Amino acid sequence: MVRTRAQRRKEKEEAKKKAQEEAAAAQSSSSAVTLDSKLDSLLEKKLEEKIDEIVEKILEKKKSRKNKRRQKVSVAVPSND
């Protein structure tokens, strides 16, 4: 089968269009992956901050409880006068 110039030109244009579509699809998927990884890192950072806050609060509570016990103990000790 002999192909005419018009047929070859049309095939070339179709191949070019298909290649452009594939390139656009690949680019959008890679940008989606980049966006996804950025979201993951942001969420991880926020989670670490929340954990740090909770740990800090727990440590403060423990410290205040110890201080209260020390105050009670110092008041409860009788003097030897």
PDB file of N, CA and C in Angstrom:
ATOM      1  N   MET A   1       0.844  -1.174   0.000  1.00  0.00           N
ATOM      2  CA  MET A   1       0.000   0.000   0.000  1.00  0.00           C
ATOM      3  C   MET A   1       0.893   1.242   0.000  1.00  0.00           C
ATOM      4  N   VAL A   2       0.610   2.113  -0.885  1.00  0.00           N
ATOM      5  CA  VAL A   2       1.388   3.344  -1.012  1.00  0.00           C
ATOM      6  C   VAL A   2       0.685   4.441  -0.223  1.00  0.00           C
ATOM      7  N   ARG A   3       1.489   5.139   0.607  1.00  0.00           N
ATOM      8  CA  ARG A   3       0.912   6.221   1.398  1.00  0.00           C
ATOM      9  C   ARG A   3       1.205   7.546   0.723  1.00  0.00           C
ATOM     10  N   THR A   4       0.233   8.377   0.757  1.00  0.00           N
ATOM     11  CA  THR A   4       0.410   9.699   0.157  1.00  0.00           C
ATOM     12  C   THR A   4       1.033  10.642   1.178  1.00  0.00           C
ATOM     13  N   ARG A   5       1.463  11.796   0.685  1.00  0.00           N
ATOM     14  CA  ARG A   5       2.063  12.794   1.572  1.00  0.00           C
ATOM     15  C   ARG A   5       1.064  13.234   2.642  1.00  0.00           C
ATOM     16  N   ALA A   6      -0.170  13.385   2.245  1.00  0.00           N
ATOM     17  CA  ALA A   6      -1.200  13.831   3.190  1.00  0.00           C
ATOM     18  C   ALA A   6      -1.384  12.803   4.302  1.00  0.00           C
ATOM     19  N   GLN A   7      -1.366  11.525   3.949  1.00  0.00           N
ATOM     20  CA  GLN A   7      -1.511  10.475   4.954  1.00  0.00           C
ATOM     21  C   GLN A   7      -0.329  10.474   5.923  1.00  0.00           C
ATOM     22  N   ARG A   8       0.884  10.603   5.361  1.00  0.00           N
ATOM     23  CA  ARG A   8       2.072  10.633   6.222  1.00  0.00           C
ATOM     24  C   ARG A   8       2.048  11.849   7.140  1.00  0.00           C
ATOM     25  N   ARG A   9       1.646  13.004   6.598  1.00  0.00           N
ATOM     26  CA  ARG A   9       1.569  14.225   7.396  1.00  0.00           C
ATOM     27  C   ARG A   9       0.551  14.044   8.524  1.00  0.00           C
ATOM     28  N   LYS A  10      -0.581  13.441   8.162  1.00  0.00           N
ATOM     29  CA  LYS A  10      -1.631  13.214   9.158  1.00  0.00           C
ATOM     30  C   LYS A  10      -1.129  12.263  10.254  1.00  0.00           C
ATOM     31  N   GLU A  11      -0.441  11.195   9.867  1.00  0.00           N
ATOM     32  CA  GLU A  11       0.110  10.250  10.840  1.00  0.00           C
ATOM     33  C   GLU A  11       1.139  10.928  11.743  1.00  0.00           C
ATOM     34  N   LYS A  12       1.968  11.781  11.142  1.00  0.00           N
ATOM     35  CA  LYS A  12       2.969  12.514  11.920  1.00  0.00           C
ATOM     36  C   LYS A  12       2.304  13.417  12.948  1.00  0.00           C
ATOM     37  N   GLU A  13       1.264  14.125  12.505  1.00  0.00           N
ATOM     38  CA  GLU A  13       0.551  15.029  13.407  1.00  0.00           C
ATOM     39  C   GLU A  13      -0.115  14.256  14.545  1.00  0.00           C
ATOM     40  N   GLU A  14      -0.694  13.112  14.216  1.00  0.00           N
ATOM     41  CA  GLU A  14      -1.329  12.284  15.240  1.00  0.00           C
ATOM     42  C   GLU A  14      -0.298  11.765  16.247  1.00  0.00           C
ATOM     43  N   ALA A  15       0.852  11.338  15.729  1.00  0.00           N
ATOM     44  CA  ALA A  15       1.910  10.846  16.610  1.00  0.00           C
ATOM     45  C   ALA A  15       2.421  11.971  17.507  1.00  0.00           C
ATOM     46  N   LYS A  16       2.566  13.165  16.934  1.00  0.00           N
ATOM     47  CA  LYS A  16       3.033  14.318  17.703  1.00  0.00           C
ATOM     48  C   LYS A  16       2.028  14.671  18.800  1.00  0.00           C
ATOM     49  N   LYS A  17       0.747  14.665  18.426  1.00  0.00           N
ATOM     50  CA  LYS A  17      -0.310  14.985  19.384  1.00  0.00           C
ATOM     51  C   LYS A  17      -0.331  13.954  20.515  1.00  0.00           C
ATOM     52  N   LYS A  18      -0.188  12.685  20.158  1.00  0.00           N
ATOM     53  CA  LYS A  18      -0.182  11.619  21.153  1.00  0.00           C
ATOM     54  C   LYS A  18       1.014  11.768  22.096  1.00  0.00           C
ATOM     55  N   ALA A  19       2.162  12.100  21.540  1.00  0.00           N
ATOM     56  CA  ALA A  19       3.362  12.294  22.360  1.00  0.00           C
ATOM     57  C   ALA A  19       3.177  13.470  23.315  1.00  0.00           C
ATOM     58  N   GLN A  20       2.553  14.548  22.839  1.00  0.00           N
ATOM     59  CA  GLN A  20       2.306  15.705  23.698  1.00  0.00           C
ATOM     60  C   GLN A  20       1.351  15.347  24.834  1.00  0.00           C
ATOM     61  N   GLU A  21       0.314  14.585  24.515  1.00  0.00           N
ATOM     62  CA  GLU A  21      -0.644  14.166  25.544  1.00  0.00           C
ATOM     63  C   GLU A  21       0.033  13.293  26.599  1.00  0.00           C
ATOM     64  N   GLU A  22       0.898  12.376  26.142  1.00  0.00           N
ATOM     65  CA  GLU A  22       1.615  11.509  27.074  1.00  0.00           C
ATOM     66  C   GLU A  22       2.559  12.319  27.958  1.00  0.00           C
ATOM     67  N   ALA A  23       3.217  13.307  27.350  1.00  0.00           N
ATOM     68  CA  ALA A  23       4.126  14.159  28.121  1.00  0.00           C
ATOM     69  C   ALA A  23       3.353  14.960  29.162  1.00  0.00           C
ATOM     70  N   ALA A  24       2.191  15.474  28.767  1.00  0.00           N
ATOM     71  CA  ALA A  24       1.366  16.243  29.703  1.00  0.00           C
ATOM     72  C   ALA A  24       0.874  15.347  30.840  1.00  0.00           C
ATOM     73  N   ALA A  25       0.485  14.125  30.503  1.00  0.00           N
ATOM     74  CA  ALA A  25       0.015  13.189  31.526  1.00  0.00           C
ATOM     75  C   ALA A  25       1.149  12.829  32.487  1.00  0.00           C
ATOM     76  N   ALA A  26       2.333  12.611  31.943  1.00  0.00           N
ATOM     77  CA  ALA A  26       3.483  12.281  32.789  1.00  0.00           C
ATOM     78  C   ALA A  26       3.828  13.446  33.702  1.00  0.00           C
ATOM     79  N   GLN A  27       3.754  14.655  33.166  1.00  0.00           N
ATOM     80  CA  GLN A  27       4.073  15.837  33.967  1.00  0.00           C
ATOM     81  C   GLN A  27       3.054  16.021  35.086  1.00  0.00           C
ATOM     82  N   SER A  28       1.777  15.841  34.765  1.00  0.00           N
ATOM     83  CA  SER A  28       0.748  16.020  35.795  1.00  0.00           C
ATOM     84  C   SER A  28       0.871  14.955  36.877  1.00  0.00           C
ATOM     85  N   SER A  29       1.227  13.736  36.492  1.00  0.00           N
ATOM     86  CA  SER A  29       1.381  12.687  37.503  1.00  0.00           C
ATOM     87  C   SER A  29       2.602  12.951  38.371  1.00  0.00           C
ATOM     88  N   SER A  30       3.676  13.475  37.778  1.00  0.00           N
ATOM     89  CA  SER A  30       4.861  13.767  38.593  1.00  0.00           C
ATOM     90  C   SER A  30       4.595  14.946  39.511  1.00  0.00           C
ATOM     91  N   SER A  31       3.823  15.923  39.039  1.00  0.00           N
ATOM     92  CA  SER A  31       3.497  17.055  39.915  1.00  0.00           C
ATOM     93  C   SER A  31       2.549  16.605  41.022  1.00  0.00           C
ATOM     94  N   ALA A  32       1.703  15.635  40.722  1.00  0.00           N
ATOM     95  CA  ALA A  32       0.814  15.094  41.751  1.00  0.00           C
ATOM     96  C   ALA A  32       1.630  14.368  42.814  1.00  0.00           C
ATOM     97  N   VAL A  33       2.647  13.653  42.386  1.00  0.00           N
ATOM     98  CA  VAL A  33       3.519  12.953  43.329  1.00  0.00           C
ATOM     99  C   VAL A  33       4.263  13.970  44.191  1.00  0.00           C
ATOM    100  N   THR A  34       4.751  15.044  43.560  1.00  0.00           N
ATOM    101  CA  THR A  34       5.451  16.093  44.299  1.00  0.00           C
ATOM    102  C   THR A  34       4.515  16.735  45.305  1.00  0.00           C
ATOM    103  N   LEU A  35       3.306  17.040  44.882  1.00  0.00           N
ATOM    104  CA  LEU A  35       2.316  17.649  45.765  1.00  0.00           C
ATOM    105  C   LEU A  35       1.995  16.714  46.921  1.00  0.00           C
ATOM    106  N   ASP A  36       1.853  15.431  46.609  1.00  0.00           N
ATOM    107  CA  ASP A  36       1.543  14.438  47.630  1.00  0.00           C
ATOM    108  C   ASP A  36       2.665  14.351  48.664  1.00  0.00           C
ATOM    109  N   SER A  37       3.906  14.371  48.199  1.00  0.00           N
ATOM    110  CA  SER A  37       5.025  14.294  49.142  1.00  0.00           C
ATOM    111  C   SER A  37       5.114  15.559  49.984  1.00  0.00           C
ATOM    112  N   LYS A  38       4.788  16.716  49.400  1.00  0.00           N
ATOM    113  CA  LYS A  38       4.782  17.960  50.169  1.00  0.00           C
ATOM    114  C   LYS A  38       3.708  17.905  51.250  1.00  0.00           C
ATOM    115  N   LEU A  39       2.537  17.398  50.886  1.00  0.00           N
ATOM    116  CA  LEU A  39       1.461  17.254  51.870  1.00  0.00           C
ATOM    117  C   LEU A  39       1.873  16.316  52.995  1.00  0.00           C
ATOM    118  N   ASP A  40       2.504  15.211  52.627  1.00  0.00           N
ATOM    119  CA  ASP A  40       2.963  14.262  53.639  1.00  0.00           C
ATOM    120  C   ASP A  40       3.944  14.908  54.605  1.00  0.00           C
ATOM    121  N   SER A  41       4.893  15.676  54.061  1.00  0.00           N
ATOM    122  CA  SER A  41       5.879  16.303  54.943  1.00  0.00           C
ATOM    123  C   SER A  41       5.224  17.351  55.834  1.00  0.00           C
ATOM    124  N   LEU A  42       4.252  18.095  55.295  1.00  0.00           N
ATOM    125  CA  LEU A  42       3.545  19.084  56.112  1.00  0.00           C
ATOM    126  C   LEU A  42       2.758  18.414  57.233  1.00  0.00           C
ATOM    127  N   LEU A  43       2.058  17.345  56.889  1.00  0.00           N
ATOM    128  CA  LEU A  43       1.286  16.619  57.898  1.00  0.00           C
ATOM    129  C   LEU A  43       2.200  16.029  58.966  1.00  0.00           C
ATOM    130  N   GLU A  44       3.329  15.507  58.528  1.00  0.00           N
ATOM    131  CA  GLU A  44       4.281  14.934  59.475  1.00  0.00           C
ATOM    132  C   GLU A  44       4.809  16.012  60.425  1.00  0.00           C
ATOM    133  N   LYS A  45       5.103  17.174  59.883  1.00  0.00           N
ATOM    134  CA  LYS A  45       5.601  18.284  60.700  1.00  0.00           C
ATOM    135  C   LYS A  45       4.547  18.717  61.720  1.00  0.00           C
ATOM    136  N   LYS A  46       3.292  18.856  61.264  1.00  0.00           N
ATOM    137  CA  LYS A  46       2.202  19.243  62.165  1.00  0.00           C
ATOM    138  C   LYS A  46       2.025  18.199  63.265  1.00  0.00           C
ATOM    139  N   LEU A  47       2.096  16.941  62.887  1.00  0.00           N
ATOM    140  CA  LEU A  47       1.935  15.858  63.851  1.00  0.00           C
ATOM    141  C   LEU A  47       3.043  15.898  64.898  1.00  0.00           C
ATOM    142  N   GLU A  48       4.275  16.131  64.457  1.00  0.00           N
ATOM    143  CA  GLU A  48       5.391  16.229  65.396  1.00  0.00           C
ATOM    144  C   GLU A  48       5.186  17.393  66.363  1.00  0.00           C
ATOM    145  N   GLU A  49       4.691  18.524  65.853  1.00  0.00           N
ATOM    146  CA  GLU A  49       4.433  19.681  66.709  1.00  0.00           C
ATOM    147  C   GLU A  49       3.377  19.349  67.764  1.00  0.00           C
ATOM    148  N   LYS A  50       2.303  18.678  67.348  1.00  0.00           N
ATOM    149  CA  LYS A  50       1.242  18.300  68.283  1.00  0.00           C
ATOM    150  C   LYS A  50       1.781  17.355  69.356  1.00  0.00           C
ATOM    151  N   ILE A  51       2.582  16.388  68.940  1.00  0.00           N
ATOM    152  CA  ILE A  51       3.157  15.436  69.889  1.00  0.00           C
ATOM    153  C   ILE A  51       4.040  16.171  70.891  1.00  0.00           C
ATOM    154  N   ASP A  52       4.855  17.104  70.395  1.00  0.00           N
ATOM    155  CA  ASP A  52       5.715  17.886  71.289  1.00  0.00           C
ATOM    156  C   ASP A  52       4.893  18.670  72.301  1.00  0.00           C
ATOM    157  N   GLU A  53       3.792  19.268  71.854  1.00  0.00           N
ATOM    158  CA  GLU A  53       2.918  20.021  72.761  1.00  0.00           C
ATOM    159  C   GLU A  53       2.358  19.111  73.853  1.00  0.00           C
ATOM    160  N   ILE A  54       1.884  17.947  73.456  1.00  0.00           N
ATOM    161  CA  ILE A  54       1.290  17.007  74.412  1.00  0.00           C
ATOM    162  C   ILE A  54       2.333  16.548  75.424  1.00  0.00           C
ATOM    163  N   VAL A  55       3.525  16.219  74.948  1.00  0.00           N
ATOM    164  CA  VAL A  55       4.594  15.780  75.846  1.00  0.00           C
ATOM    165  C   VAL A  55       4.952  16.893  76.822  1.00  0.00           C
ATOM    166  N   GLU A  56       5.017  18.117  76.318  1.00  0.00           N
ATOM    167  CA  GLU A  56       5.327  19.266  77.168  1.00  0.00           C
ATOM    168  C   GLU A  56       4.279  19.430  78.270  1.00  0.00           C
ATOM    169  N   LYS A  57       3.005  19.310  77.907  1.00  0.00           N
ATOM    170  CA  LYS A  57       1.930  19.436  78.894  1.00  0.00           C
ATOM    171  C   LYS A  57       2.029  18.350  79.957  1.00  0.00           C
ATOM    172  N   ILE A  58       2.309  17.139  79.525  1.00  0.00           N
ATOM    173  CA  ILE A  58       2.432  16.024  80.469  1.00  0.00           C
ATOM    174  C   ILE A  58       3.585  16.273  81.435  1.00  0.00           C
ATOM    175  N   LEU A  59       4.712  16.725  80.906  1.00  0.00           N
ATOM    176  CA  LEU A  59       5.863  16.996  81.766  1.00  0.00           C
ATOM    177  C   LEU A  59       5.570  18.121  82.750  1.00  0.00           C
ATOM    178  N   GLU A  60       4.847  19.140  82.302  1.00  0.00           N
ATOM    179  CA  GLU A  60       4.473  20.240  83.196  1.00  0.00           C
ATOM    180  C   GLU A  60       3.567  19.743  84.323  1.00  0.00           C
ATOM    181  N   LYS A  61       2.615  18.879  83.992  1.00  0.00           N
ATOM    182  CA  LYS A  61       1.718  18.332  85.014  1.00  0.00           C
ATOM    183  C   LYS A  61       2.498  17.523  86.040  1.00  0.00           C
ATOM    184  N   LYS A  62       3.424  16.690  85.564  1.00  0.00           N
ATOM    185  CA  LYS A  62       4.230  15.886  86.486  1.00  0.00           C
ATOM    186  C   LYS A  62       5.046  16.790  87.401  1.00  0.00           C
ATOM    187  N   LYS A  63       5.616  17.825  86.818  1.00  0.00           N
ATOM    188  CA  LYS A  63       6.440  18.750  87.592  1.00  0.00           C
ATOM    189  C   LYS A  63       5.599  19.468  88.647  1.00  0.00           C
ATOM    190  N   SER A  64       4.408  19.913  88.268  1.00  0.00           N
ATOM    191  CA  SER A  64       3.553  20.617  89.232  1.00  0.00           C
ATOM    192  C   SER A  64       3.089  19.675  90.341  1.00  0.00           C
ATOM    193  N   ARG A  65       2.835  18.423  90.028  1.00  0.00           N
ATOM    194  CA  ARG A  65       2.443  17.444  91.053  1.00  0.00           C
ATOM    195  C   ARG A  65       3.580  17.230  92.046  1.00  0.00           C
ATOM    196  N   LYS A  66       4.808  17.125  91.523  1.00  0.00           N
ATOM    197  CA  LYS A  66       5.959  16.945  92.411  1.00  0.00           C
ATOM    198  C   LYS A  66       6.117  18.156  93.316  1.00  0.00           C
ATOM    199  N   ASN A  67       5.943  19.340  92.753  1.00  0.00           N
ATOM    200  CA  ASN A  67       6.065  20.560  93.552  1.00  0.00           C
ATOM    201  C   ASN A  67       5.002  20.607  94.640  1.00  0.00           C
ATOM    202  N   LYS A  68       3.791  20.199  94.328  1.00  0.00           N
ATOM    203  CA  LYS A  68       2.716  20.183  95.325  1.00  0.00           C
ATOM    204  C   LYS A  68       3.050  19.214  96.452  1.00  0.00           C
ATOM    205  N   ARG A  69       3.577  18.044  96.108  1.00  0.00           N
ATOM    206  CA  ARG A  69       3.952  17.057  97.121  1.00  0.00           C
ATOM    207  C   ARG A  69       5.063  17.602  98.016  1.00  0.00           C
ATOM    208  N   ARG A  70       6.030  18.264  97.412  1.00  0.00           N
ATOM    209  CA  ARG A  70       7.131  18.833  98.188  1.00  0.00           C
ATOM    210  C   ARG A  70       6.617  19.890  99.156  1.00  0.00           C
ATOM    211  N   GLN A  71       5.677  20.700  98.692  1.00  0.00           N
ATOM    212  CA  GLN A  71       5.112  21.733  99.559  1.00  0.00           C
ATOM    213  C   GLN A  71       4.374  21.092 100.734  1.00  0.00           C
ATOM    214  N   LYS A  72       3.616  20.054 100.460  1.00  0.00           N
ATOM    215  CA  LYS A  72       2.874  19.371 101.523  1.00  0.00           C
ATOM    216  C   LYS A  72       3.835  18.734 102.512  1.00  0.00           C
ATOM    217  N   VAL A  73       4.883  18.139 102.011  1.00  0.00           N
ATOM    218  CA  VAL A  73       5.860  17.476 102.874  1.00  0.00           C
ATOM    219  C   VAL A  73       6.562  18.504 103.743  1.00  0.00           C
ATOM    220  N   SER A  74       6.937  19.618 103.185  1.00  0.00           N
ATOM    221  CA  SER A  74       7.654  20.626 103.970  1.00  0.00           C
ATOM    222  C   SER A  74       6.755  21.238 105.036  1.00  0.00           C
ATOM    223  N   VAL A  75       5.482  21.332 104.788  1.00  0.00           N
ATOM    224  CA  VAL A  75       4.546  21.875 105.771  1.00  0.00           C
ATOM    225  C   VAL A  75       4.287  20.843 106.862  1.00  0.00           C
ATOM    226  N   ALA A  76       4.269  19.571 106.515  1.00  0.00           N
ATOM    227  CA  ALA A  76       3.915  18.521 107.458  1.00  0.00           C
ATOM    228  C   ALA A  76       5.049  18.171 108.410  1.00  0.00           C
ATOM    229  N   VAL A  77       6.260  18.598 108.146  1.00  0.00           N
ATOM    230  CA  VAL A  77       7.391  18.247 109.008  1.00  0.00           C
ATOM    231  C   VAL A  77       7.341  19.098 110.278  1.00  0.00           C
ATOM    232  N   PRO A  78       7.275  18.477 111.446  1.00  0.00           N
ATOM    233  CA  PRO A  78       7.236  19.245 112.712  1.00  0.00           C
ATOM    234  C   PRO A  78       8.619  19.795 113.063  1.00  0.00           C
ATOM    235  N   SER A  79       8.626  20.901 113.707  1.00  0.00           N
ATOM    236  CA  SER A  79       9.906  21.497 114.112  1.00  0.00           C
ATOM    237  C   SER A  79      10.328  20.925 115.459  1.00  0.00           C
ATOM    238  N   ASN A  80      11.603  20.915 115.771  1.00  0.00           N
ATOM    239  CA  ASN A  80      12.129  20.333 117.009  1.00  0.00           C
ATOM    240  C   ASN A  80      12.393  21.389 118.074  1.00  0.00           C
ATOM    241  N   ASP A  81      11.745  22.505 118.041  1.00  0.00           N
ATOM    242  CA  ASP A  81      11.980  23.577 119.022  1.00  0.00           C
ATOM    243  C   ASP A  81      11.462  23.219 120.359  1.00  0.00           C
TER     244      ASP A  81
END
